[in-house]
Protein backbone atom coordinates (compact mmCIF):
# COMPACT_ATOMS: atom_id res chain seq x y z
CA UNK A 1 -6.37 19.69 -13.88
CA UNK A 2 -4.02 17.98 -16.32
CA UNK A 3 -3.09 15.29 -13.82
CA UNK A 4 -6.52 14.81 -12.38
CA UNK A 5 -7.47 14.75 -8.74
CA UNK A 6 -6.68 11.05 -8.23
CA UNK A 7 -3.17 11.31 -9.67
CA UNK A 8 -2.46 14.51 -7.76
CA UNK A 9 -3.55 12.87 -4.51
CA UNK A 10 -1.20 9.97 -5.20
CA UNK A 11 1.76 12.27 -5.79
CA UNK A 12 1.06 14.11 -2.55
CA UNK A 13 0.98 10.78 -0.72
CA UNK A 14 4.26 9.70 -2.33
CA UNK A 15 5.92 13.01 -1.50
CA UNK A 16 5.41 12.32 2.23
CA UNK A 17 8.57 10.24 1.95
CA UNK A 18 10.53 12.60 -0.26
CA UNK A 19 13.70 14.18 1.00
CA UNK A 20 15.28 17.16 -0.73
CA UNK A 21 18.73 15.71 0.03
CA UNK A 22 18.01 12.31 -1.49
CA UNK A 23 16.88 11.28 -4.96
CA UNK A 24 13.67 9.27 -5.07
CA UNK A 25 15.57 6.37 -6.62
CA UNK A 26 17.88 6.24 -3.57
CA UNK A 27 15.16 6.30 -0.92
CA UNK A 28 14.36 2.70 0.11
CA UNK A 29 11.53 3.77 2.43
CA UNK A 30 9.83 5.59 -0.44
CA UNK A 31 10.33 2.66 -2.79
CA UNK A 32 8.87 0.20 -0.29
CA UNK A 33 5.85 2.38 0.46
CA UNK A 34 5.13 2.97 -3.22
CA UNK A 35 5.50 -0.72 -4.09
CA UNK A 36 3.19 -1.67 -1.21
CA UNK A 37 0.64 0.89 -2.31
CA UNK A 38 0.61 -0.31 -5.90
CA UNK A 39 0.49 -3.96 -4.86
CA UNK A 40 -2.43 -3.33 -2.52
CA UNK A 41 -4.26 -1.39 -5.21
CA UNK A 42 -3.77 -4.19 -7.75
CA UNK A 43 -4.87 -6.87 -5.30
CA UNK A 44 -7.95 -4.86 -4.28
CA UNK A 45 -8.95 -4.79 -7.91
CA UNK A 46 -8.55 -8.56 -8.16
CA UNK A 47 -10.65 -9.20 -5.07
CA UNK A 48 -13.44 -6.77 -5.76
CA UNK A 49 -13.12 -6.17 -9.48
CA UNK A 50 -13.17 -3.04 -7.49
CA UNK A 51 -14.61 0.35 -7.99
CA UNK A 52 -12.14 3.21 -7.72
CA UNK A 53 -12.85 3.94 -4.06
CA UNK A 54 -11.68 0.53 -2.83
CA UNK A 55 -8.56 0.66 -4.98
CA UNK A 56 -7.77 4.20 -3.85
CA UNK A 57 -8.16 3.30 -0.17
CA UNK A 58 -5.96 0.24 -0.66
CA UNK A 59 -3.30 2.44 -2.28
CA UNK A 60 -3.55 4.89 0.63
CA UNK A 61 -3.10 2.14 3.24
CA UNK A 62 0.00 0.95 1.41
CA UNK A 63 1.53 4.40 1.10
CA UNK A 64 0.79 5.25 4.75
CA UNK A 65 2.00 1.88 6.06
CA UNK A 66 5.50 3.18 6.81
CA UNK A 67 4.60 6.52 8.35
CA UNK A 68 5.27 5.15 11.82
CA UNK A 69 8.80 4.24 10.72
CA UNK A 70 9.28 7.57 8.96
CA UNK A 71 8.04 9.66 11.88
CA UNK A 72 9.06 7.45 14.81
CA UNK A 73 5.53 7.58 16.23
CA UNK A 74 3.02 4.78 16.75
CA UNK A 75 0.59 4.18 13.91
CA UNK A 76 -2.35 4.65 16.28
CA UNK A 77 -1.10 8.13 17.22
CA UNK A 78 -0.56 9.04 13.58
CA UNK A 79 -3.93 7.97 12.21
CA UNK A 80 -5.91 9.61 15.00
CA UNK A 81 -4.44 12.92 13.84
CA UNK A 82 -5.11 12.37 10.13
CA UNK A 83 -8.33 13.17 8.34
CA UNK A 84 -8.66 9.86 6.51
CA UNK A 85 -11.48 7.39 5.94
CA UNK A 86 -12.41 5.19 8.89
CA UNK A 87 -11.71 2.10 6.74
CA UNK A 88 -8.12 3.28 6.22
CA UNK A 89 -7.64 3.93 9.93
CA UNK A 90 -9.09 0.52 10.81
CA UNK A 91 -6.82 -1.21 8.29
CA UNK A 92 -3.68 0.51 9.55
CA UNK A 93 -4.39 -0.01 13.24
CA UNK A 94 -6.23 -3.33 13.52
CA UNK A 95 -6.06 -4.85 10.02
CA UNK A 96 -9.85 -4.56 9.62
CA UNK A 97 -11.88 -4.61 6.43
CA UNK A 98 -10.72 -5.41 2.92
CA UNK A 99 -7.71 -3.10 3.16
CA UNK A 100 -6.70 -4.65 6.47
CA UNK A 101 -6.83 -8.13 4.99
CA UNK A 102 -4.72 -6.96 2.06
CA UNK A 103 -2.28 -5.31 4.45
CA UNK A 104 -2.02 -8.54 6.47
CA UNK A 105 -1.26 -10.41 3.24
CA UNK A 106 1.49 -7.94 2.32
CA UNK A 107 3.03 -8.14 5.81
CA UNK A 108 3.04 -11.94 5.72
CA UNK A 109 4.54 -11.98 2.22
CA UNK A 110 7.27 -9.50 3.16
CA UNK A 111 8.13 -11.54 6.29
CA UNK A 112 8.34 -14.74 4.21
CA UNK A 113 5.61 -16.17 6.45
CA UNK A 114 4.24 -18.90 4.18
CA UNK A 115 1.50 -19.99 6.57
CA UNK A 116 0.37 -16.40 7.20
CA UNK A 117 0.41 -15.66 3.48
CA UNK A 118 -1.70 -18.74 2.72
CA UNK A 119 -4.18 -17.87 5.47
CA UNK A 120 -4.45 -14.28 4.22
CA UNK A 121 -5.02 -15.45 0.65
CA UNK A 122 -7.85 -17.74 1.79
CA UNK A 123 -9.65 -14.70 3.21
CA UNK A 124 -9.31 -12.84 -0.10
CA UNK A 125 -11.24 -14.53 -2.90
CA UNK A 126 -9.62 -14.08 -6.29
CA UNK A 127 -6.04 -14.00 -5.02
CA UNK A 128 -3.88 -17.02 -5.74
CA UNK A 129 -0.14 -17.54 -5.35
CA UNK A 130 0.24 -16.93 -9.09
CA UNK A 131 -1.82 -13.73 -9.07
CA UNK A 132 0.04 -12.47 -5.99
CA UNK A 133 3.39 -13.08 -7.68
CA UNK A 134 2.24 -11.37 -10.88
CA UNK A 135 0.85 -8.39 -8.96
CA UNK A 136 4.05 -8.12 -6.92
CA UNK A 137 6.18 -8.13 -10.08
CA UNK A 138 3.95 -5.46 -11.65
CA UNK A 139 4.12 -3.31 -8.49
CA UNK A 140 7.92 -3.44 -8.42
CA UNK A 141 8.12 -2.59 -12.14
CA UNK A 142 5.67 0.29 -11.68
CA UNK A 143 7.68 1.57 -8.71
CA UNK A 144 10.94 1.41 -10.66
CA UNK A 145 9.39 3.50 -13.44
CA UNK A 146 7.91 5.99 -11.00
CA UNK A 147 11.03 6.63 -8.94
CA UNK A 148 13.44 6.33 -11.85
CA UNK A 149 15.49 3.36 -10.66
């Protein structure tokens, strides 16, 4: 009750990547997933001036985006087994909806695909190169504080 339901849900999502043998600050998979989640949440807010539901689903897509790597199973197989919103499933599998567009933007940015990043930004009103850079910096800073780097 002290944390609140939203914060508790986030911690549970983050702990998917936790390993008892490895500190959070030394887990690159965890750090990447958390940074993606925060970046997607921040960008969702910029696009929608979003209500909490859109931001929360964007965070969830980001945090779940590496489950296939973590588990060694296809994303399609993973999401069909999870009880998550259809929008989240669609974003993770086929890059559909707002979260899917945000996820495509993050993938292009991480791959240094300038053309893909520009195309993704055009489909997301309110996101500019400057706002993407600022949101990315904030997400990395937030992640560093969270995992204790």
